[in-house]
Amino acid sequence: MTLTDAEFISHVGLSCPACEKYELEATESVQVDDGIAWQGMECTA
């Protein structure tokens, strides 16, 4: 089951949006541009 954006946000981004496990790793540092930031993530599960 894939989480919706609202469900992912309600989990505070601490679980994988694909499998809901908490085995997350950042794959890149936070990038910032014009008031928006993003970071690549991966679920090791």
All heavy atoms as atom14 arrays in JSON, in Angstrom:
{
  "sequence": "MTLTDAEFISHVGLSCPACEKYELEATESVQVDDGIAWQGMECTA",
  "atom14_mask": [
    [1, 1, 1, 1, 1, 1, 1, 1, 0, 0, 0, 0, 0, 0],
    [1, 1, 1, 1, 1, 1, 1, 0, 0, 0, 0, 0, 0, 0],
    [1, 1, 1, 1, 1, 1, 1, 1, 0, 0, 0, 0, 0, 0],
    [1, 1, 1, 1, 1, 1, 1, 0, 0, 0, 0, 0, 0, 0],
    [1, 1, 1, 1, 1, 1, 1, 1, 0, 0, 0, 0, 0, 0],
    [1, 1, 1, 1, 1, 0, 0, 0, 0, 0, 0, 0, 0, 0],
    [1, 1, 1, 1, 1, 1, 1, 1, 1, 0, 0, 0, 0, 0],
    [1, 1, 1, 1, 1, 1, 1, 1, 1, 1, 1, 0, 0, 0],
    [1, 1, 1, 1, 1, 1, 1, 1, 0, 0, 0, 0, 0, 0],
    [1, 1, 1, 1, 1, 1, 0, 0, 0, 0, 0, 0, 0, 0],
    [1, 1, 1, 1, 1, 1, 1, 1, 1, 1, 0, 0, 0, 0],
    [1, 1, 1, 1, 1, 1, 1, 0, 0, 0, 0, 0, 0, 0],
    [1, 1, 1, 1, 0, 0, 0, 0, 0, 0, 0, 0, 0, 0],
    [1, 1, 1, 1, 1, 1, 1, 1, 0, 0, 0, 0, 0, 0],
    [1, 1, 1, 1, 1, 1, 0, 0, 0, 0, 0, 0, 0, 0],
    [1, 1, 1, 1, 1, 1, 0, 0, 0, 0, 0, 0, 0, 0],
    [1, 1, 1, 1, 1, 1, 1, 0, 0, 0, 0, 0, 0, 0],
    [1, 1, 1, 1, 1, 0, 0, 0, 0, 0, 0, 0, 0, 0],
    [1, 1, 1, 1, 1, 1, 0, 0, 0, 0, 0, 0, 0, 0],
    [1, 1, 1, 1, 1, 1, 1, 1, 1, 0, 0, 0, 0, 0],
    [1, 1, 1, 1, 1, 1, 1, 1, 1, 0, 0, 0, 0, 0],
    [1, 1, 1, 1, 1, 1, 1, 1, 1, 1, 1, 1, 0, 0],
    [1, 1, 1, 1, 1, 1, 1, 1, 1, 0, 0, 0, 0, 0],
    [1, 1, 1, 1, 1, 1, 1, 1, 0, 0, 0, 0, 0, 0],
    [1, 1, 1, 1, 1, 1, 1, 1, 1, 0, 0, 0, 0, 0],
    [1, 1, 1, 1, 1, 0, 0, 0, 0, 0, 0, 0, 0, 0],
    [1, 1, 1, 1, 1, 1, 1, 0, 0, 0, 0, 0, 0, 0],
    [1, 1, 1, 1, 1, 1, 1, 1, 1, 0, 0, 0, 0, 0],
    [1, 1, 1, 1, 1, 1, 0, 0, 0, 0, 0, 0, 0, 0],
    [1, 1, 1, 1, 1, 1, 1, 0, 0, 0, 0, 0, 0, 0],
    [1, 1, 1, 1, 1, 1, 1, 1, 1, 0, 0, 0, 0, 0],
    [1, 1, 1, 1, 1, 1, 1, 0, 0, 0, 0, 0, 0, 0],
    [1, 1, 1, 1, 1, 1, 1, 1, 0, 0, 0, 0, 0, 0],
    [1, 1, 1, 1, 1, 1, 1, 1, 0, 0, 0, 0, 0, 0],
    [1, 1, 1, 1, 0, 0, 0, 0, 0, 0, 0, 0, 0, 0],
    [1, 1, 1, 1, 1, 1, 1, 1, 0, 0, 0, 0, 0, 0],
    [1, 1, 1, 1, 1, 0, 0, 0, 0, 0, 0, 0, 0, 0],
    [1, 1, 1, 1, 1, 1, 1, 1, 1, 1, 1, 1, 1, 1],
    [1, 1, 1, 1, 1, 1, 1, 1, 1, 0, 0, 0, 0, 0],
    [1, 1, 1, 1, 0, 0, 0, 0, 0, 0, 0, 0, 0, 0],
    [1, 1, 1, 1, 1, 1, 1, 1, 0, 0, 0, 0, 0, 0],
    [1, 1, 1, 1, 1, 1, 1, 1, 1, 0, 0, 0, 0, 0],
    [1, 1, 1, 1, 1, 1, 0, 0, 0, 0, 0, 0, 0, 0],
    [1, 1, 1, 1, 1, 1, 1, 0, 0, 0, 0, 0, 0, 0],
    [1, 1, 1, 1, 1, 0, 0, 0, 0, 0, 0, 0, 0, 0]
  ],
  "atom14_positions": [
    [[0.85, -1.19, 0.0], [0.0, 0.0, 0.0], [0.89, 1.24, 0.0], [1.79, 1.37, 0.8], [-0.88, -0.01, 1.24], [-1.73, 1.22, 1.37], [-2.61, 1.2, 2.95], [-2.49, 2.9, 3.36], [0.0, 0.0, 0.0], [0.0, 0.0, 0.0], [0.0, 0.0, 0.0], [0.0, 0.0, 0.0], [0.0, 0.0, 0.0], [0.0, 0.0, 0.0]],
    [[0.64, 2.14, -0.9], [1.38, 3.39, -0.97], [0.62, 4.47, -0.2], [-0.59, 4.6, -0.37], [1.55, 3.83, -2.44], [2.26, 2.8, -3.13], [2.31, 5.12, -2.54], [0.0, 0.0, 0.0], [0.0, 0.0, 0.0], [0.0, 0.0, 0.0], [0.0, 0.0, 0.0], [0.0, 0.0, 0.0], [0.0, 0.0, 0.0], [0.0, 0.0, 0.0]],
    [[1.34, 5.21, 0.64], [0.72, 6.28, 1.41], [0.39, 7.47, 0.5], [1.15, 7.78, -0.42], [1.65, 6.77, 2.51], [2.02, 5.79, 3.61], [3.03, 6.42, 4.56], [0.79, 5.34, 4.37], [0.0, 0.0, 0.0], [0.0, 0.0, 0.0], [0.0, 0.0, 0.0], [0.0, 0.0, 0.0], [0.0, 0.0, 0.0], [0.0, 0.0, 0.0]],
    [[-0.7, 8.14, 0.77], [-1.0, 9.4, 0.1], [-0.09, 10.48, 0.71], [0.52, 10.26, 1.77], [-2.46, 9.81, 0.3], [-2.67, 10.07, 1.69], [-3.41, 8.74, -0.2], [0.0, 0.0, 0.0], [0.0, 0.0, 0.0], [0.0, 0.0, 0.0], [0.0, 0.0, 0.0], [0.0, 0.0, 0.0], [0.0, 0.0, 0.0], [0.0, 0.0, 0.0]],
    [[-0.03, 11.65, 0.08], [0.75, 12.76, 0.66], [0.27, 13.07, 2.07], [1.08, 13.25, 2.98], [0.65, 14.02, -0.2], [1.56, 13.99, -1.41], [2.49, 13.17, -1.45], [1.32, 14.79, -2.33], [0.0, 0.0, 0.0], [0.0, 0.0, 0.0], [0.0, 0.0, 0.0], [0.0, 0.0, 0.0], [0.0, 0.0, 0.0], [0.0, 0.0, 0.0]],
    [[-1.04, 13.13, 2.28], [-1.59, 13.46, 3.6], [-1.2, 12.41, 4.64], [-0.86, 12.75, 5.78], [-3.11, 13.6, 3.52], [0.0, 0.0, 0.0], [0.0, 0.0, 0.0], [0.0, 0.0, 0.0], [0.0, 0.0, 0.0], [0.0, 0.0, 0.0], [0.0, 0.0, 0.0], [0.0, 0.0, 0.0], [0.0, 0.0, 0.0], [0.0, 0.0, 0.0]],
    [[-1.25, 11.14, 4.27], [-0.86, 10.08, 5.2], [0.64, 10.15, 5.52], [1.05, 9.99, 6.67], [-1.2, 8.71, 4.61], [-2.68, 8.44, 4.52], [-3.01, 7.23, 3.67], [-2.25, 6.9, 2.73], [-4.05, 6.61, 3.95], [0.0, 0.0, 0.0], [0.0, 0.0, 0.0], [0.0, 0.0, 0.0], [0.0, 0.0, 0.0], [0.0, 0.0, 0.0]],
    [[1.46, 10.4, 4.49], [2.9, 10.53, 4.69], [3.21, 11.68, 5.65], [4.0, 11.55, 6.57], [3.59, 10.75, 3.34], [5.08, 10.85, 3.41], [5.85, 9.74, 3.76], [5.73, 12.03, 3.12], [7.23, 9.82, 3.82], [7.1, 12.13, 3.17], [7.86, 11.02, 3.52], [0.0, 0.0, 0.0], [0.0, 0.0, 0.0], [0.0, 0.0, 0.0]],
    [[2.53, 12.81, 5.45], [2.72, 13.98, 6.32], [2.25, 13.67, 7.73], [2.9, 14.06, 8.71], [2.01, 15.21, 5.74], [2.73, 15.65, 4.45], [1.95, 16.35, 6.75], [1.96, 16.64, 3.62], [0.0, 0.0, 0.0], [0.0, 0.0, 0.0], [0.0, 0.0, 0.0], [0.0, 0.0, 0.0], [0.0, 0.0, 0.0], [0.0, 0.0, 0.0]],
    [[1.15, 12.94, 7.89], [0.67, 12.61, 9.23], [1.64, 11.7, 9.97], [1.67, 11.68, 11.19], [-0.73, 11.97, 9.17], [-0.66, 10.64, 8.71], [0.0, 0.0, 0.0], [0.0, 0.0, 0.0], [0.0, 0.0, 0.0], [0.0, 0.0, 0.0], [0.0, 0.0, 0.0], [0.0, 0.0, 0.0], [0.0, 0.0, 0.0], [0.0, 0.0, 0.0]],
    [[2.48, 10.96, 9.24], [3.54, 10.14, 9.84], [4.81, 10.96, 10.04], [5.84, 10.41, 10.4], [3.86, 8.94, 8.96], [2.77, 7.92, 8.89], [2.96, 6.71, 8.28], [1.49, 7.9, 9.33], [1.85, 5.99, 8.35], [0.94, 6.71, 8.98], [0.0, 0.0, 0.0], [0.0, 0.0, 0.0], [0.0, 0.0, 0.0], [0.0, 0.0, 0.0]],
    [[4.73, 12.25, 9.78], [5.83, 13.21, 9.91], [7.03, 12.81, 9.03], [8.17, 13.12, 9.33], [6.27, 13.39, 11.38], [7.1, 14.65, 11.56], [5.08, 13.44, 12.32], [0.0, 0.0, 0.0], [0.0, 0.0, 0.0], [0.0, 0.0, 0.0], [0.0, 0.0, 0.0], [0.0, 0.0, 0.0], [0.0, 0.0, 0.0], [0.0, 0.0, 0.0]],
    [[6.76, 12.08, 7.95], [7.82, 11.68, 7.04], [8.79, 10.67, 7.62], [9.88, 10.48, 7.08], [0.0, 0.0, 0.0], [0.0, 0.0, 0.0], [0.0, 0.0, 0.0], [0.0, 0.0, 0.0], [0.0, 0.0, 0.0], [0.0, 0.0, 0.0], [0.0, 0.0, 0.0], [0.0, 0.0, 0.0], [0.0, 0.0, 0.0], [0.0, 0.0, 0.0]],
    [[8.42, 10.02, 8.71], [9.34, 9.09, 9.37], [9.2, 7.66, 8.91], [9.98, 6.8, 9.32], [9.13, 9.15, 10.9], [9.46, 10.51, 11.54], [9.13, 10.46, 13.03], [10.91, 10.87, 11.32], [0.0, 0.0, 0.0], [0.0, 0.0, 0.0], [0.0, 0.0, 0.0], [0.0, 0.0, 0.0], [0.0, 0.0, 0.0], [0.0, 0.0, 0.0]],
    [[8.22, 7.39, 8.04], [8.08, 6.03, 7.52], [8.08, 6.07, 5.99], [7.76, 7.08, 5.38], [6.8, 5.37, 8.04], [5.66, 6.03, 7.56], [0.0, 0.0, 0.0], [0.0, 0.0, 0.0], [0.0, 0.0, 0.0], [0.0, 0.0, 0.0], [0.0, 0.0, 0.0], [0.0, 0.0, 0.0], [0.0, 0.0, 0.0], [0.0, 0.0, 0.0]],
    [[8.42, 4.96, 5.4], [8.49, 4.84, 3.95], [7.08, 5.0, 3.36], [6.14, 4.34, 3.82], [9.06, 3.48, 3.59], [9.02, 3.1, 1.82], [0.0, 0.0, 0.0], [0.0, 0.0, 0.0], [0.0, 0.0, 0.0], [0.0, 0.0, 0.0], [0.0, 0.0, 0.0], [0.0, 0.0, 0.0], [0.0, 0.0, 0.0], [0.0, 0.0, 0.0]],
    [[6.92, 5.83, 2.33], [5.6, 5.98, 1.71], [5.17, 4.73, 0.93], [4.0, 4.59, 0.6], [5.76, 7.19, 0.79], [7.21, 7.3, 0.54], [7.9, 6.74, 1.74], [0.0, 0.0, 0.0], [0.0, 0.0, 0.0], [0.0, 0.0, 0.0], [0.0, 0.0, 0.0], [0.0, 0.0, 0.0], [0.0, 0.0, 0.0], [0.0, 0.0, 0.0]],
    [[6.09, 3.8, 0.65], [5.74, 2.59, -0.09], [5.38, 1.43, 0.84], [4.38, 0.76, 0.62], [6.9, 2.18, -0.99], [0.0, 0.0, 0.0], [0.0, 0.0, 0.0], [0.0, 0.0, 0.0], [0.0, 0.0, 0.0], [0.0, 0.0, 0.0], [0.0, 0.0, 0.0], [0.0, 0.0, 0.0], [0.0, 0.0, 0.0], [0.0, 0.0, 0.0]],
    [[6.2, 1.19, 1.89], [5.98, 0.02, 2.74], [5.69, 0.36, 4.2], [5.41, -0.54, 4.99], [7.17, -0.93, 2.66], [8.66, -0.35, 3.51], [0.0, 0.0, 0.0], [0.0, 0.0, 0.0], [0.0, 0.0, 0.0], [0.0, 0.0, 0.0], [0.0, 0.0, 0.0], [0.0, 0.0, 0.0], [0.0, 0.0, 0.0], [0.0, 0.0, 0.0]],
    [[5.78, 1.63, 4.56], [5.5, 2.14, 5.9], [6.5, 1.7, 6.98], [6.26, 1.86, 8.16], [4.07, 1.82, 6.35], [3.03, 2.47, 5.46], [1.61, 2.29, 5.98], [1.38, 2.58, 7.16], [0.75, 1.86, 5.19], [0.0, 0.0, 0.0], [0.0, 0.0, 0.0], [0.0, 0.0, 0.0], [0.0, 0.0, 0.0], [0.0, 0.0, 0.0]],
    [[7.64, 1.14, 6.58], [8.68, 0.78, 7.55], [9.47, 2.04, 7.9], [9.43, 3.04, 7.19], [9.59, -0.3, 6.97], [8.84, -1.54, 6.57], [9.28, -2.71, 7.36], [8.3, -3.83, 7.11], [8.78, -5.09, 6.87], [0.0, 0.0, 0.0], [0.0, 0.0, 0.0], [0.0, 0.0, 0.0], [0.0, 0.0, 0.0], [0.0, 0.0, 0.0]],
    [[10.21, 1.96, 8.98], [10.96, 3.12, 9.48], [12.46, 3.01, 9.18], [13.27, 3.61, 9.87], [10.72, 3.26, 10.99], [9.29, 3.62, 11.32], [8.35, 2.63, 11.54], [8.89, 4.94, 11.36], [7.03, 2.95, 11.82], [7.57, 5.28, 11.64], [6.65, 4.27, 11.88], [5.35, 4.6, 12.14], [0.0, 0.0, 0.0], [0.0, 0.0, 0.0]],
    [[12.83, 2.27, 8.18], [14.23, 2.03, 7.84], [14.66, 2.96, 6.71], [14.86, 2.55, 5.57], [14.42, 0.56, 7.47], [14.03, -0.35, 8.63], [14.0, -1.82, 8.23], [14.83, -2.24, 7.41], [13.13, -2.53, 8.76], [0.0, 0.0, 0.0], [0.0, 0.0, 0.0], [0.0, 0.0, 0.0], [0.0, 0.0, 0.0], [0.0, 0.0, 0.0]],
    [[14.79, 4.25, 7.03], [15.06, 5.28, 6.03], [16.49, 5.78, 6.1], [17.08, 5.87, 7.18], [14.11, 6.46, 6.23], [12.62, 6.14, 6.34], [11.84, 7.42, 6.51], [12.15, 5.35, 5.15], [0.0, 0.0, 0.0], [0.0, 0.0, 0.0], [0.0, 0.0, 0.0], [0.0, 0.0, 0.0], [0.0, 0.0, 0.0], [0.0, 0.0, 0.0]],
    [[17.03, 6.13, 4.95], [18.35, 6.76, 4.86], [18.28, 7.9, 3.86], [17.65, 7.77, 2.81], [19.4, 5.76, 4.38], [19.75, 4.7, 5.38], [20.89, 3.8, 4.91], [21.47, 4.07, 3.83], [21.19, 2.84, 5.62], [0.0, 0.0, 0.0], [0.0, 0.0, 0.0], [0.0, 0.0, 0.0], [0.0, 0.0, 0.0], [0.0, 0.0, 0.0]],
    [[18.95, 9.0, 4.2], [19.09, 10.11, 3.24], [20.1, 9.69, 2.19], [21.15, 9.12, 2.51], [19.54, 11.36, 3.95], [0.0, 0.0, 0.0], [0.0, 0.0, 0.0], [0.0, 0.0, 0.0], [0.0, 0.0, 0.0], [0.0, 0.0, 0.0], [0.0, 0.0, 0.0], [0.0, 0.0, 0.0], [0.0, 0.0, 0.0], [0.0, 0.0, 0.0]],
    [[19.8, 9.96, 0.92], [20.73, 9.63, -0.16], [21.49, 10.85, -0.66], [22.39, 10.73, -1.48], [19.99, 8.97, -1.34], [19.0, 9.88, -1.83], [19.34, 7.66, -0.92], [0.0, 0.0, 0.0], [0.0, 0.0, 0.0], [0.0, 0.0, 0.0], [0.0, 0.0, 0.0], [0.0, 0.0, 0.0], [0.0, 0.0, 0.0], [0.0, 0.0, 0.0]],
    [[21.1, 12.03, -0.17], [21.8, 13.27, -0.53], [21.53, 14.29, 0.56], [20.61, 14.13, 1.37], [21.33, 13.8, -1.88], [19.85, 14.13, -1.95], [19.38, 14.56, -3.33], [20.02, 14.21, -4.33], [18.35, 15.24, -3.39], [0.0, 0.0, 0.0], [0.0, 0.0, 0.0], [0.0, 0.0, 0.0], [0.0, 0.0, 0.0], [0.0, 0.0, 0.0]],
    [[22.33, 15.33, 0.6], [22.1, 16.39, 1.57], [20.9, 17.24, 1.13], [20.46, 17.17, -0.01], [23.35, 17.26, 1.73], [23.69, 17.84, 0.49], [0.0, 0.0, 0.0], [0.0, 0.0, 0.0], [0.0, 0.0, 0.0], [0.0, 0.0, 0.0], [0.0, 0.0, 0.0], [0.0, 0.0, 0.0], [0.0, 0.0, 0.0], [0.0, 0.0, 0.0]],
    [[20.39, 18.04, 2.04], [19.24, 18.9, 1.74], [19.66, 19.95, 0.72], [20.69, 20.61, 0.88], [18.71, 19.56, 3.03], [17.58, 20.53, 2.71], [18.23, 18.51, 4.02], [0.0, 0.0, 0.0], [0.0, 0.0, 0.0], [0.0, 0.0, 0.0], [0.0, 0.0, 0.0], [0.0, 0.0, 0.0], [0.0, 0.0, 0.0], [0.0, 0.0, 0.0]],
    [[18.86, 20.09, -0.32], [19.05, 21.11, -1.36], [18.0, 22.19, -1.13], [16.85, 21.88, -0.78], [18.87, 20.49, -2.74], [19.72, 19.28, -3.0], [21.19, 19.61, -3.08], [21.59, 20.53, -3.77], [21.99, 18.85, -2.36], [0.0, 0.0, 0.0], [0.0, 0.0, 0.0], [0.0, 0.0, 0.0], [0.0, 0.0, 0.0], [0.0, 0.0, 0.0]],
    [[18.37, 23.46, -1.34], [17.46, 24.58, -1.08], [17.45, 25.52, -2.27], [18.5, 25.84, -2.82], [17.88, 25.35, 0.2], [16.94, 26.51, 0.46], [17.95, 24.42, 1.39], [0.0, 0.0, 0.0], [0.0, 0.0, 0.0], [0.0, 0.0, 0.0], [0.0, 0.0, 0.0], [0.0, 0.0, 0.0], [0.0, 0.0, 0.0], [0.0, 0.0, 0.0]],
    [[16.25, 26.0, -2.63], [16.12, 26.99, -3.69], [14.79, 27.72, -3.53], [13.73, 27.07, -3.51], [16.19, 26.31, -5.06], [16.24, 27.29, -6.21], [16.75, 28.41, -6.03], [15.77, 26.94, -7.3], [0.0, 0.0, 0.0], [0.0, 0.0, 0.0], [0.0, 0.0, 0.0], [0.0, 0.0, 0.0], [0.0, 0.0, 0.0], [0.0, 0.0, 0.0]],
    [[14.81, 29.02, -3.41], [13.61, 29.87, -3.37], [12.56, 29.44, -2.35], [11.38, 29.32, -2.65], [12.95, 29.95, -4.76], [13.82, 30.68, -5.78], [14.55, 31.6, -5.37], [13.76, 30.32, -6.96], [0.0, 0.0, 0.0], [0.0, 0.0, 0.0], [0.0, 0.0, 0.0], [0.0, 0.0, 0.0], [0.0, 0.0, 0.0], [0.0, 0.0, 0.0]],
    [[12.98, 29.18, -1.12], [12.04, 28.86, -0.06], [11.53, 27.43, -0.06], [10.64, 27.09, 0.71], [0.0, 0.0, 0.0], [0.0, 0.0, 0.0], [0.0, 0.0, 0.0], [0.0, 0.0, 0.0], [0.0, 0.0, 0.0], [0.0, 0.0, 0.0], [0.0, 0.0, 0.0], [0.0, 0.0, 0.0], [0.0, 0.0, 0.0], [0.0, 0.0, 0.0]],
    [[12.07, 26.6, -0.94], [11.7, 25.19, -0.99], [12.97, 24.38, -0.78], [14.04, 24.73, -1.27], [11.07, 24.82, -2.36], [9.8, 25.62, -2.58], [10.79, 23.33, -2.45], [9.23, 25.47, -3.98], [0.0, 0.0, 0.0], [0.0, 0.0, 0.0], [0.0, 0.0, 0.0], [0.0, 0.0, 0.0], [0.0, 0.0, 0.0], [0.0, 0.0, 0.0]],
    [[12.86, 23.28, -0.05], [14.0, 22.39, 0.15], [13.56, 20.96, -0.13], [12.39, 20.62, -0.01], [14.51, 22.52, 1.58], [0.0, 0.0, 0.0], [0.0, 0.0, 0.0], [0.0, 0.0, 0.0], [0.0, 0.0, 0.0], [0.0, 0.0, 0.0], [0.0, 0.0, 0.0], [0.0, 0.0, 0.0], [0.0, 0.0, 0.0], [0.0, 0.0, 0.0]],
    [[14.53, 20.12, -0.53], [14.23, 18.73, -0.8], [15.45, 17.89, -0.48], [16.58, 18.38, -0.43], [13.8, 18.51, -2.25], [14.85, 18.9, -3.25], [15.78, 18.09, -3.83], [15.08, 20.21, -3.77], [16.58, 18.8, -4.68], [16.16, 20.12, -4.66], [14.49, 21.45, -3.59], [16.66, 21.22, -5.36], [14.99, 22.54, -4.28], [16.05, 22.41, -5.15]],
    [[15.21, 16.61, -0.23], [16.29, 15.68, 0.1], [15.92, 14.3, -0.43], [14.81, 13.81, -0.21], [16.49, 15.62, 1.61], [17.6, 14.7, 2.05], [17.84, 14.77, 3.54], [16.93, 14.95, 4.32], [19.09, 14.64, 3.93], [0.0, 0.0, 0.0], [0.0, 0.0, 0.0], [0.0, 0.0, 0.0], [0.0, 0.0, 0.0], [0.0, 0.0, 0.0]],
    [[16.86, 13.68, -1.13], [16.65, 12.32, -1.61], [16.64, 11.34, -0.45], [17.46, 11.45, 0.47], [0.0, 0.0, 0.0], [0.0, 0.0, 0.0], [0.0, 0.0, 0.0], [0.0, 0.0, 0.0], [0.0, 0.0, 0.0], [0.0, 0.0, 0.0], [0.0, 0.0, 0.0], [0.0, 0.0, 0.0], [0.0, 0.0, 0.0], [0.0, 0.0, 0.0]],
    [[15.72, 10.4, -0.48], [15.57, 9.4, 0.58], [15.47, 8.01, -0.02], [15.08, 7.84, -1.18], [14.29, 9.69, 1.4], [14.27, 11.04, 2.08], [15.55, 11.23, 3.33], [15.02, 10.03, 4.54], [0.0, 0.0, 0.0], [0.0, 0.0, 0.0], [0.0, 0.0, 0.0], [0.0, 0.0, 0.0], [0.0, 0.0, 0.0], [0.0, 0.0, 0.0]],
    [[15.8, 7.0, 0.8], [15.68, 5.61, 0.4], [15.22, 4.77, 1.58], [15.63, 5.02, 2.71], [17.01, 5.08, -0.1], [16.98, 3.62, -0.5], [18.3, 3.11, -1.03], [19.32, 3.79, -0.86], [18.31, 2.02, -1.59], [0.0, 0.0, 0.0], [0.0, 0.0, 0.0], [0.0, 0.0, 0.0], [0.0, 0.0, 0.0], [0.0, 0.0, 0.0]],
    [[14.39, 3.79, 1.32], [13.97, 2.82, 2.34], [14.86, 1.6, 2.18], [14.89, 0.99, 1.1], [12.51, 2.44, 2.16], [11.96, 1.15, 3.3], [0.0, 0.0, 0.0], [0.0, 0.0, 0.0], [0.0, 0.0, 0.0], [0.0, 0.0, 0.0], [0.0, 0.0, 0.0], [0.0, 0.0, 0.0], [0.0, 0.0, 0.0], [0.0, 0.0, 0.0]],
    [[15.58, 1.23, 3.23], [16.44, 0.06, 3.14], [15.66, -1.25, 3.27], [16.2, -2.31, 3.01], [17.56, 0.11, 4.2], [16.98, 0.19, 5.5], [18.47, 1.31, 3.98], [0.0, 0.0, 0.0], [0.0, 0.0, 0.0], [0.0, 0.0, 0.0], [0.0, 0.0, 0.0], [0.0, 0.0, 0.0], [0.0, 0.0, 0.0], [0.0, 0.0, 0.0]],
    [[14.39, -1.17, 3.65], [13.56, -2.37, 3.75], [13.03, -2.81, 2.38], [13.04, -3.99, 2.05], [12.4, -2.14, 4.71], [0.0, 0.0, 0.0], [0.0, 0.0, 0.0], [0.0, 0.0, 0.0], [0.0, 0.0, 0.0], [0.0, 0.0, 0.0], [0.0, 0.0, 0.0], [0.0, 0.0, 0.0], [0.0, 0.0, 0.0], [0.0, 0.0, 0.0]]
  ]
}
